[in-house]
Amino acid sequence: LPLLLLVALVLAFNIEPATLFQGADTMVLYGGSFLA
């Protein structure tokens, strides 16, 4: 939950995951889908 909450807050502030590191947007897309 702490890590997931950190990712959720990054997205809530409209920060694109790809700006953090390469491939982050793909990880968020597939990781969030898998967890859902």
Full PDB file with SEQRES, HELIX, SHEET, SSBOND, CRYST1, ORIGX, SCALE, CONECT and MASTER records, all heavy atoms in Angstrom:
SEQRES   1 A   36  LEU PRO LEU LEU LEU LEU VAL ALA LEU VAL LEU ALA PHE          
SEQRES   2 A   36  ASN ILE GLU PRO ALA THR LEU PHE GLN GLY ALA ASP THR          
SEQRES   3 A   36  MET VAL LEU TYR GLY GLY SER PHE LEU ALA                      
HELIX    1 AA1 PRO A    2  ALA A   12  1                                  11    
HELIX    2 AA2 PRO A   17  THR A   19  5                                   3    
HELIX    3 AA3 ALA A   24  LEU A   35  1                                  12    
CRYST1    1.000    1.000    1.000  90.00  90.00  90.00 P 1           1          
ORIGX1      1.000000  0.000000  0.000000        0.00000                         
ORIGX2      0.000000  1.000000  0.000000        0.00000                         
ORIGX3      0.000000  0.000000  1.000000        0.00000                         
SCALE1      1.000000  0.000000  0.000000        0.00000                         
SCALE2      0.000000  1.000000  0.000000        0.00000                         
SCALE3      0.000000  0.000000  1.000000        0.00000                         
ATOM      1  N   LEU A   1       0.799  -1.225   0.000  1.00  0.00           N  
ATOM      2  CA  LEU A   1       0.000   0.000   0.000  1.00  0.00           C  
ATOM      3  C   LEU A   1       0.836   1.282   0.000  1.00  0.00           C  
ATOM      4  O   LEU A   1       0.499   2.224  -0.735  1.00  0.00           O  
ATOM      5  CB  LEU A   1      -0.976  -0.010   1.188  1.00  0.00           C  
ATOM      6  CG  LEU A   1      -1.974   1.151   1.223  1.00  0.00           C  
ATOM      7  CD1 LEU A   1      -2.799   1.194  -0.062  1.00  0.00           C  
ATOM      8  CD2 LEU A   1      -2.890   1.042   2.444  1.00  0.00           C  
ATOM      9  N   PRO A   2       1.917   1.395   0.794  1.00  0.00           N  
ATOM     10  CA  PRO A   2       2.703   2.652   0.739  1.00  0.00           C  
ATOM     11  C   PRO A   2       3.227   2.959  -0.662  1.00  0.00           C  
ATOM     12  O   PRO A   2       3.145   4.105  -1.117  1.00  0.00           O  
ATOM     13  CB  PRO A   2       3.849   2.381   1.723  1.00  0.00           C  
ATOM     14  CG  PRO A   2       3.296   1.372   2.681  1.00  0.00           C  
ATOM     15  CD  PRO A   2       2.414   0.488   1.848  1.00  0.00           C  
ATOM     16  N   LEU A   3       3.758   1.945  -1.363  1.00  0.00           N  
ATOM     17  CA  LEU A   3       4.266   2.164  -2.714  1.00  0.00           C  
ATOM     18  C   LEU A   3       3.127   2.490  -3.680  1.00  0.00           C  
ATOM     19  O   LEU A   3       3.253   3.398  -4.522  1.00  0.00           O  
ATOM     20  CB  LEU A   3       5.019   0.929  -3.196  1.00  0.00           C  
ATOM     21  CG  LEU A   3       5.552   0.985  -4.644  1.00  0.00           C  
ATOM     22  CD1 LEU A   3       6.524   2.147  -4.806  1.00  0.00           C  
ATOM     23  CD2 LEU A   3       6.222  -0.335  -5.014  1.00  0.00           C  
ATOM     24  N   LEU A   4       2.026   1.761  -3.566  1.00  0.00           N  
ATOM     25  CA  LEU A   4       0.880   2.015  -4.442  1.00  0.00           C  
ATOM     26  C   LEU A   4       0.326   3.421  -4.210  1.00  0.00           C  
ATOM     27  O   LEU A   4      -0.069   4.108  -5.160  1.00  0.00           O  
ATOM     28  CB  LEU A   4      -0.214   0.977  -4.192  1.00  0.00           C  
ATOM     29  CG  LEU A   4       0.127  -0.468  -4.570  1.00  0.00           C  
ATOM     30  CD1 LEU A   4      -1.004  -1.404  -4.134  1.00  0.00           C  
ATOM     31  CD2 LEU A   4       0.372  -0.589  -6.066  1.00  0.00           C  
ATOM     32  N   LEU A   5       0.287   3.854  -2.960  1.00  0.00           N  
ATOM     33  CA  LEU A   5      -0.208   5.197  -2.641  1.00  0.00           C  
ATOM     34  C   LEU A   5       0.709   6.263  -3.229  1.00  0.00           C  
ATOM     35  O   LEU A   5       0.242   7.307  -3.709  1.00  0.00           O  
ATOM     36  CB  LEU A   5      -0.307   5.354  -1.119  1.00  0.00           C  
ATOM     37  CG  LEU A   5      -1.097   6.557  -0.587  1.00  0.00           C  
ATOM     38  CD1 LEU A   5      -2.517   6.546  -1.125  1.00  0.00           C  
ATOM     39  CD2 LEU A   5      -1.114   6.543   0.938  1.00  0.00           C  
ATOM     40  N   LEU A   6       2.013   6.002  -3.217  1.00  0.00           N  
ATOM     41  CA  LEU A   6       2.967   6.944  -3.813  1.00  0.00           C  
ATOM     42  C   LEU A   6       2.722   7.075  -5.317  1.00  0.00           C  
ATOM     43  O   LEU A   6       2.687   8.194  -5.861  1.00  0.00           O  
ATOM     44  CB  LEU A   6       4.394   6.473  -3.543  1.00  0.00           C  
ATOM     45  CG  LEU A   6       5.515   7.341  -4.140  1.00  0.00           C  
ATOM     46  CD1 LEU A   6       5.462   8.754  -3.566  1.00  0.00           C  
ATOM     47  CD2 LEU A   6       6.880   6.698  -3.873  1.00  0.00           C  
ATOM     48  N   VAL A   7       2.525   5.945  -6.002  1.00  0.00           N  
ATOM     49  CA  VAL A   7       2.241   5.968  -7.442  1.00  0.00           C  
ATOM     50  C   VAL A   7       0.926   6.697  -7.711  1.00  0.00           C  
ATOM     51  O   VAL A   7       0.829   7.514  -8.639  1.00  0.00           O  
ATOM     52  CB  VAL A   7       2.186   4.537  -8.005  1.00  0.00           C  
ATOM     53  CG1 VAL A   7       1.756   4.552  -9.478  1.00  0.00           C  
ATOM     54  CG2 VAL A   7       3.527   3.846  -7.846  1.00  0.00           C  
ATOM     55  N   ALA A   8      -0.087   6.415  -6.898  1.00  0.00           N  
ATOM     56  CA  ALA A   8      -1.393   7.048  -7.085  1.00  0.00           C  
ATOM     57  C   ALA A   8      -1.300   8.566  -6.902  1.00  0.00           C  
ATOM     58  O   ALA A   8      -1.953   9.327  -7.624  1.00  0.00           O  
ATOM     59  CB  ALA A   8      -2.407   6.452  -6.114  1.00  0.00           C  
ATOM     60  N   LEU A   9      -0.494   9.013  -5.950  1.00  0.00           N  
ATOM     61  CA  LEU A   9      -0.336  10.449  -5.712  1.00  0.00           C  
ATOM     62  C   LEU A   9       0.396  11.115  -6.877  1.00  0.00           C  
ATOM     63  O   LEU A   9       0.063  12.244  -7.270  1.00  0.00           O  
ATOM     64  CB  LEU A   9       0.430  10.681  -4.401  1.00  0.00           C  
ATOM     65  CG  LEU A   9      -0.362  10.400  -3.121  1.00  0.00           C  
ATOM     66  CD1 LEU A   9       0.556  10.465  -1.903  1.00  0.00           C  
ATOM     67  CD2 LEU A   9      -1.510  11.386  -2.963  1.00  0.00           C  
ATOM     68  N   VAL A  10       1.390  10.441  -7.438  1.00  0.00           N  
ATOM     69  CA  VAL A  10       2.099  10.965  -8.609  1.00  0.00           C  
ATOM     70  C   VAL A  10       1.117  11.182  -9.759  1.00  0.00           C  
ATOM     71  O   VAL A  10       1.124  12.231 -10.415  1.00  0.00           O  
ATOM     72  CB  VAL A  10       3.226   9.999  -9.025  1.00  0.00           C  
ATOM     73  CG1 VAL A  10       3.779  10.388 -10.408  1.00  0.00           C  
ATOM     74  CG2 VAL A  10       4.351  10.020  -8.000  1.00  0.00           C  
ATOM     75  N   LEU A  11       0.255  10.194  -9.985  1.00  0.00           N  
ATOM     76  CA  LEU A  11      -0.741  10.310 -11.056  1.00  0.00           C  
ATOM     77  C   LEU A  11      -1.780  11.386 -10.726  1.00  0.00           C  
ATOM     78  O   LEU A  11      -2.264  12.086 -11.621  1.00  0.00           O  
ATOM     79  CB  LEU A  11      -1.429   8.964 -11.276  1.00  0.00           C  
ATOM     80  CG  LEU A  11      -0.526   7.823 -11.764  1.00  0.00           C  
ATOM     81  CD1 LEU A  11      -1.302   6.512 -11.798  1.00  0.00           C  
ATOM     82  CD2 LEU A  11       0.039   8.140 -13.137  1.00  0.00           C  
ATOM     83  N   ALA A  12      -2.135  11.512  -9.436  1.00  0.00           N  
ATOM     84  CA  ALA A  12      -3.143  12.496  -9.035  1.00  0.00           C  
ATOM     85  C   ALA A  12      -2.669  13.919  -9.289  1.00  0.00           C  
ATOM     86  O   ALA A  12      -3.480  14.813  -9.560  1.00  0.00           O  
ATOM     87  CB  ALA A  12      -3.494  12.316  -7.562  1.00  0.00           C  
ATOM     88  N   PHE A  13      -1.342  14.133  -9.215  1.00  0.00           N  
ATOM     89  CA  PHE A  13      -0.788  15.464  -9.469  1.00  0.00           C  
ATOM     90  C   PHE A  13      -0.421  15.665 -10.945  1.00  0.00           C  
ATOM     91  O   PHE A  13       0.330  16.588 -11.284  1.00  0.00           O  
ATOM     92  CB  PHE A  13       0.446  15.690  -8.594  1.00  0.00           C  
ATOM     93  CG  PHE A  13       0.119  15.991  -7.160  1.00  0.00           C  
ATOM     94  CD1 PHE A  13       0.219  15.013  -6.194  1.00  0.00           C  
ATOM     95  CD2 PHE A  13      -0.319  17.259  -6.783  1.00  0.00           C  
ATOM     96  CE1 PHE A  13      -0.077  15.280  -4.863  1.00  0.00           C  
ATOM     97  CE2 PHE A  13      -0.625  17.543  -5.461  1.00  0.00           C  
ATOM     98  CZ  PHE A  13      -0.506  16.551  -4.495  1.00  0.00           C  
ATOM     99  N   ASN A  14      -0.988  14.783 -11.798  1.00  0.00           N  
ATOM    100  CA  ASN A  14      -0.817  14.883 -13.255  1.00  0.00           C  
ATOM    101  C   ASN A  14       0.644  14.833 -13.683  1.00  0.00           C  
ATOM    102  O   ASN A  14       1.056  15.501 -14.647  1.00  0.00           O  
ATOM    103  CB  ASN A  14      -1.467  16.177 -13.782  1.00  0.00           C  
ATOM    104  CG  ASN A  14      -2.976  16.140 -13.662  1.00  0.00           C  
ATOM    105  OD1 ASN A  14      -3.602  15.106 -13.888  1.00  0.00           O  
ATOM    106  ND2 ASN A  14      -3.567  17.269 -13.298  1.00  0.00           N  
ATOM    107  N   ILE A  15       1.439  14.075 -12.958  1.00  0.00           N  
ATOM    108  CA  ILE A  15       2.836  13.849 -13.341  1.00  0.00           C  
ATOM    109  C   ILE A  15       2.892  12.598 -14.204  1.00  0.00           C  
ATOM    110  O   ILE A  15       2.485  11.520 -13.767  1.00  0.00           O  
ATOM    111  CB  ILE A  15       3.736  13.682 -12.103  1.00  0.00           C  
ATOM    112  CG1 ILE A  15       3.671  14.942 -11.231  1.00  0.00           C  
ATOM    113  CG2 ILE A  15       5.171  13.384 -12.522  1.00  0.00           C  
ATOM    114  CD1 ILE A  15       4.428  14.822  -9.926  1.00  0.00           C  
ATOM    115  N   GLU A  16       3.376  12.729 -15.419  1.00  0.00           N  
ATOM    116  CA  GLU A  16       3.464  11.585 -16.314  1.00  0.00           C  
ATOM    117  C   GLU A  16       4.516  10.607 -15.805  1.00  0.00           C  
ATOM    118  O   GLU A  16       5.663  11.007 -15.533  1.00  0.00           O  
ATOM    119  CB  GLU A  16       3.824  12.037 -17.728  1.00  0.00           C  
ATOM    120  CG  GLU A  16       2.721  12.809 -18.430  1.00  0.00           C  
ATOM    121  CD  GLU A  16       1.507  11.931 -18.700  1.00  0.00           C  
ATOM    122  OE1 GLU A  16       1.673  10.701 -18.825  1.00  0.00           O  
ATOM    123  OE2 GLU A  16       0.391  12.477 -18.761  1.00  0.00           O  
ATOM    124  N   PRO A  17       4.183   9.330 -15.637  1.00  0.00           N  
ATOM    125  CA  PRO A  17       5.166   8.351 -15.148  1.00  0.00           C  
ATOM    126  C   PRO A  17       6.420   8.279 -16.019  1.00  0.00           C  
ATOM    127  O   PRO A  17       7.520   8.031 -15.516  1.00  0.00           O  
ATOM    128  CB  PRO A  17       4.389   7.029 -15.173  1.00  0.00           C  
ATOM    129  CG  PRO A  17       2.961   7.422 -15.102  1.00  0.00           C  
ATOM    130  CD  PRO A  17       2.863   8.724 -15.835  1.00  0.00           C  
ATOM    131  N   ALA A  18       6.255   8.507 -17.332  1.00  0.00           N  
ATOM    132  CA  ALA A  18       7.398   8.401 -18.244  1.00  0.00           C  
ATOM    133  C   ALA A  18       8.474   9.438 -17.941  1.00  0.00           C  
ATOM    134  O   ALA A  18       9.648   9.244 -18.295  1.00  0.00           O  
ATOM    135  CB  ALA A  18       6.922   8.549 -19.684  1.00  0.00           C  
ATOM    136  N   THR A  19       8.098  10.552 -17.279  1.00  0.00           N  
ATOM    137  CA  THR A  19       9.089  11.578 -16.942  1.00  0.00           C  
ATOM    138  C   THR A  19       9.967  11.153 -15.769  1.00  0.00           C  
ATOM    139  O   THR A  19      11.021  11.749 -15.545  1.00  0.00           O  
ATOM    140  CB  THR A  19       8.391  12.900 -16.589  1.00  0.00           C  
ATOM    141  OG1 THR A  19       7.531  12.698 -15.445  1.00  0.00           O  
ATOM    142  CG2 THR A  19       7.550  13.389 -17.758  1.00  0.00           C  
ATOM    143  N   LEU A  20       9.557  10.160 -15.016  1.00  0.00           N  
ATOM    144  CA  LEU A  20      10.329   9.691 -13.866  1.00  0.00           C  
ATOM    145  C   LEU A  20      11.426   8.735 -14.302  1.00  0.00           C  
ATOM    146  O   LEU A  20      12.585   8.891 -13.908  1.00  0.00           O  
ATOM    147  CB  LEU A  20       9.399   9.012 -12.856  1.00  0.00           C  
ATOM    148  CG  LEU A  20       8.265   9.885 -12.304  1.00  0.00           C  
ATOM    149  CD1 LEU A  20       7.396   9.083 -11.361  1.00  0.00           C  
ATOM    150  CD2 LEU A  20       8.837  11.110 -11.590  1.00  0.00           C  
ATOM    151  N   PHE A  21      11.075   7.743 -15.087  1.00  0.00           N  
ATOM    152  CA  PHE A  21      12.074   6.843 -15.663  1.00  0.00           C  
ATOM    153  C   PHE A  21      11.444   6.122 -16.845  1.00  0.00           C  
ATOM    154  O   PHE A  21      10.229   6.013 -16.951  1.00  0.00           O  
ATOM    155  CB  PHE A  21      12.617   5.830 -14.640  1.00  0.00           C  
ATOM    156  CG  PHE A  21      11.568   4.942 -14.033  1.00  0.00           C  
ATOM    157  CD1 PHE A  21      11.224   3.726 -14.633  1.00  0.00           C  
ATOM    158  CD2 PHE A  21      10.932   5.314 -12.853  1.00  0.00           C  
ATOM    159  CE1 PHE A  21      10.273   2.910 -14.066  1.00  0.00           C  
ATOM    160  CE2 PHE A  21       9.980   4.492 -12.282  1.00  0.00           C  
ATOM    161  CZ  PHE A  21       9.643   3.282 -12.891  1.00  0.00           C  
ATOM    162  N   GLN A  22      12.285   5.645 -17.740  1.00  0.00           N  
ATOM    163  CA  GLN A  22      11.820   5.022 -18.973  1.00  0.00           C  
ATOM    164  C   GLN A  22      11.033   3.744 -18.677  1.00  0.00           C  
ATOM    165  O   GLN A  22      11.462   2.905 -17.896  1.00  0.00           O  
ATOM    166  CB  GLN A  22      13.010   4.697 -19.884  1.00  0.00           C  
ATOM    167  CG  GLN A  22      12.603   4.207 -21.273  1.00  0.00           C  
ATOM    168  CD  GLN A  22      13.804   3.988 -22.168  1.00  0.00           C  
ATOM    169  OE1 GLN A  22      14.936   4.120 -21.727  1.00  0.00           O  
ATOM    170  NE2 GLN A  22      13.554   3.670 -23.432  1.00  0.00           N  
ATOM    171  N   GLY A  23       9.878   3.629 -19.303  1.00  0.00           N  
ATOM    172  CA  GLY A  23       9.049   2.436 -19.137  1.00  0.00           C  
ATOM    173  C   GLY A  23       8.088   2.501 -17.971  1.00  0.00           C  
ATOM    174  O   GLY A  23       7.332   1.550 -17.739  1.00  0.00           O  
ATOM    175  N   ALA A  24       8.093   3.632 -17.226  1.00  0.00           N  
ATOM    176  CA  ALA A  24       7.224   3.731 -16.054  1.00  0.00           C  
ATOM    177  C   ALA A  24       5.754   3.739 -16.449  1.00  0.00           C  
ATOM    178  O   ALA A  24       4.908   3.168 -15.734  1.00  0.00           O  
ATOM    179  CB  ALA A  24       7.554   4.989 -15.257  1.00  0.00           C  
ATOM    180  N   ASP A  25       5.437   4.384 -17.583  1.00  0.00           N  
ATOM    181  CA  ASP A  25       4.046   4.442 -18.006  1.00  0.00           C  
ATOM    182  C   ASP A  25       3.511   3.058 -18.351  1.00  0.00           C  
ATOM    183  O   ASP A  25       2.356   2.727 -18.052  1.00  0.00           O  
ATOM    184  CB  ASP A  25       3.890   5.384 -19.201  1.00  0.00           C  
ATOM    185  CG  ASP A  25       4.871   5.063 -20.319  1.00  0.00           C  
ATOM    186  OD1 ASP A  25       5.834   4.299 -20.075  1.00  0.00           O  
ATOM    187  OD2 ASP A  25       4.685   5.594 -21.429  1.00  0.00           O  
ATOM    188  N   THR A  26       4.361   2.219 -18.962  1.00  0.00           N  
ATOM    189  CA  THR A  26       3.944   0.845 -19.276  1.00  0.00           C  
ATOM    190  C   THR A  26       3.749   0.039 -18.006  1.00  0.00           C  
ATOM    191  O   THR A  26       2.798  -0.757 -17.891  1.00  0.00           O  
ATOM    192  CB  THR A  26       4.997   0.157 -20.172  1.00  0.00           C  
ATOM    193  OG1 THR A  26       5.185   0.936 -21.357  1.00  0.00           O  
ATOM    194  CG2 THR A  26       4.550  -1.245 -20.548  1.00  0.00           C  
ATOM    195  N   MET A  27       4.628   0.243 -17.031  1.00  0.00           N  
ATOM    196  CA  MET A  27       4.500  -0.466 -15.752  1.00  0.00           C  
ATOM    197  C   MET A  27       3.210  -0.086 -15.046  1.00  0.00           C  
ATOM    198  O   MET A  27       2.525  -0.938 -14.477  1.00  0.00           O  
ATOM    199  CB  MET A  27       5.708  -0.155 -14.864  1.00  0.00           C  
ATOM    200  CG  MET A  27       7.021  -0.735 -15.348  1.00  0.00           C  
ATOM    201  SD  MET A  27       8.404  -0.280 -14.273  1.00  0.00           S  
ATOM    202  CE  MET A  27       7.883  -1.041 -12.718  1.00  0.00           C  
ATOM    203  N   VAL A  28       2.868   1.208 -15.095  1.00  0.00           N  
ATOM    204  CA  VAL A  28       1.640   1.664 -14.448  1.00  0.00           C  
ATOM    205  C   VAL A  28       0.419   1.085 -15.154  1.00  0.00           C  
ATOM    206  O   VAL A  28      -0.529   0.619 -14.516  1.00  0.00           O  
ATOM    207  CB  VAL A  28       1.577   3.203 -14.442  1.00  0.00           C  
ATOM    208  CG1 VAL A  28       0.186   3.694 -14.041  1.00  0.00           C  
ATOM    209  CG2 VAL A  28       2.620   3.769 -13.490  1.00  0.00           C  
ATOM    210  N   LEU A  29       0.443   1.073 -16.488  1.00  0.00           N  
ATOM    211  CA  LEU A  29      -0.688   0.569 -17.257  1.00  0.00           C  
ATOM    212  C   LEU A  29      -0.937  -0.907 -16.970  1.00  0.00           C  
ATOM    213  O   LEU A  29      -2.050  -1.295 -16.603  1.00  0.00           O  
ATOM    214  CB  LEU A  29      -0.445   0.780 -18.749  1.00  0.00           C  
ATOM    215  CG  LEU A  29      -1.528   0.232 -19.692  1.00  0.00           C  
ATOM    216  CD1 LEU A  29      -2.840   0.969 -19.496  1.00  0.00           C  
ATOM    217  CD2 LEU A  29      -1.073   0.331 -21.150  1.00  0.00           C  
ATOM    218  N   TYR A  30       0.099  -1.721 -17.134  1.00  0.00           N  
ATOM    219  CA  TYR A  30      -0.082  -3.161 -16.968  1.00  0.00           C  
ATOM    220  C   TYR A  30      -0.135  -3.568 -15.492  1.00  0.00           C  
ATOM    221  O   TYR A  30      -0.858  -4.494 -15.128  1.00  0.00           O  
ATOM    222  CB  TYR A  30       1.030  -3.916 -17.692  1.00  0.00           C  
ATOM    223  CG  TYR A  30       0.865  -3.904 -19.191  1.00  0.00           C  
ATOM    224  CD1 TYR A  30       1.535  -2.973 -19.979  1.00  0.00           C  
ATOM    225  CD2 TYR A  30       0.013  -4.804 -19.819  1.00  0.00           C  
ATOM    226  CE1 TYR A  30       1.370  -2.943 -21.360  1.00  0.00           C  
ATOM    227  CE2 TYR A  30      -0.150  -4.791 -21.201  1.00  0.00           C  
ATOM    228  CZ  TYR A  30       0.527  -3.854 -21.958  1.00  0.00           C  
ATOM    229  OH  TYR A  30       0.357  -3.831 -23.322  1.00  0.00           O  
ATOM    230  N   GLY A  31       0.642  -2.879 -14.663  1.00  0.00           N  
ATOM    231  CA  GLY A  31       0.615  -3.190 -13.236  1.00  0.00           C  
ATOM    232  C   GLY A  31      -0.732  -2.872 -12.613  1.00  0.00           C  
ATOM    233  O   GLY A  31      -1.287  -3.673 -11.853  1.00  0.00           O  
ATOM    234  N   GLY A  32      -1.274  -1.689 -12.933  1.00  0.00           N  
ATOM    235  CA  GLY A  32      -2.594  -1.324 -12.408  1.00  0.00           C  
ATOM    236  C   GLY A  32      -3.674  -2.245 -12.910  1.00  0.00           C  
ATOM    237  O   GLY A  32      -4.579  -2.635 -12.160  1.00  0.00           O  
ATOM    238  N   SER A  33      -3.600  -2.626 -14.189  1.00  0.00           N  
ATOM    239  CA  SER A  33      -4.594  -3.538 -14.760  1.00  0.00           C  
ATOM    240  C   SER A  33      -4.531  -4.897 -14.071  1.00  0.00           C  
ATOM    241  O   SER A  33      -5.564  -5.484 -13.720  1.00  0.00           O  
ATOM    242  CB  SER A  33      -4.360  -3.709 -16.257  1.00  0.00           C  
ATOM    243  OG  SER A  33      -4.461  -2.473 -16.923  1.00  0.00           O  
ATOM    244  N   PHE A  34      -3.314  -5.402 -13.874  1.00  0.00           N  
ATOM    245  CA  PHE A  34      -3.151  -6.699 -13.210  1.00  0.00           C  
ATOM    246  C   PHE A  34      -3.710  -6.676 -11.791  1.00  0.00           C  
ATOM    247  O   PHE A  34      -4.422  -7.592 -11.365  1.00  0.00           O  
ATOM    248  CB  PHE A  34      -1.675  -7.089 -13.197  1.00  0.00           C  
ATOM    249  CG  PHE A  34      -1.392  -8.317 -12.371  1.00  0.00           C  
ATOM    250  CD1 PHE A  34      -1.645  -9.588 -12.870  1.00  0.00           C  
ATOM    251  CD2 PHE A  34      -0.879  -8.187 -11.081  1.00  0.00           C  
ATOM    252  CE1 PHE A  34      -1.392 -10.717 -12.094  1.00  0.00           C  
ATOM    253  CE2 PHE A  34      -0.627  -9.305 -10.305  1.00  0.00           C  
ATOM    254  CZ  PHE A  34      -0.884 -10.582 -10.814  1.00  0.00           C  
ATOM    255  N   LEU A  35      -3.395  -5.629 -11.046  1.00  0.00           N  
ATOM    256  CA  LEU A  35      -3.845  -5.551  -9.651  1.00  0.00           C  
ATOM    257  C   LEU A  35      -5.356  -5.376  -9.563  1.00  0.00           C  
ATOM    258  O   LEU A  35      -5.991  -5.895  -8.639  1.00  0.00           O  
ATOM    259  CB  LEU A  35      -3.130  -4.395  -8.947  1.00  0.00           C  
ATOM    260  CG  LEU A  35      -1.622  -4.603  -8.738  1.00  0.00           C  
ATOM    261  CD1 LEU A  35      -0.966  -3.328  -8.231  1.00  0.00           C  
ATOM    262  CD2 LEU A  35      -1.375  -5.752  -7.763  1.00  0.00           C  
ATOM    263  N   ALA A  36      -5.944  -4.650 -10.517  1.00  0.00           N  
ATOM    264  CA  ALA A  36      -7.401  -4.501 -10.537  1.00  0.00           C  
ATOM    265  C   ALA A  36      -8.078  -5.840 -10.780  1.00  0.00           C  
ATOM    266  O   ALA A  36      -9.036  -6.217 -10.095  1.00  0.00           O  
ATOM    267  CB  ALA A  36      -7.816  -3.487 -11.601  1.00  0.00           C  
TER     268      ALA A  36                                                      
MASTER        0    0    0    3    0    0    0    6  267    1    0    3          
END                                                                             
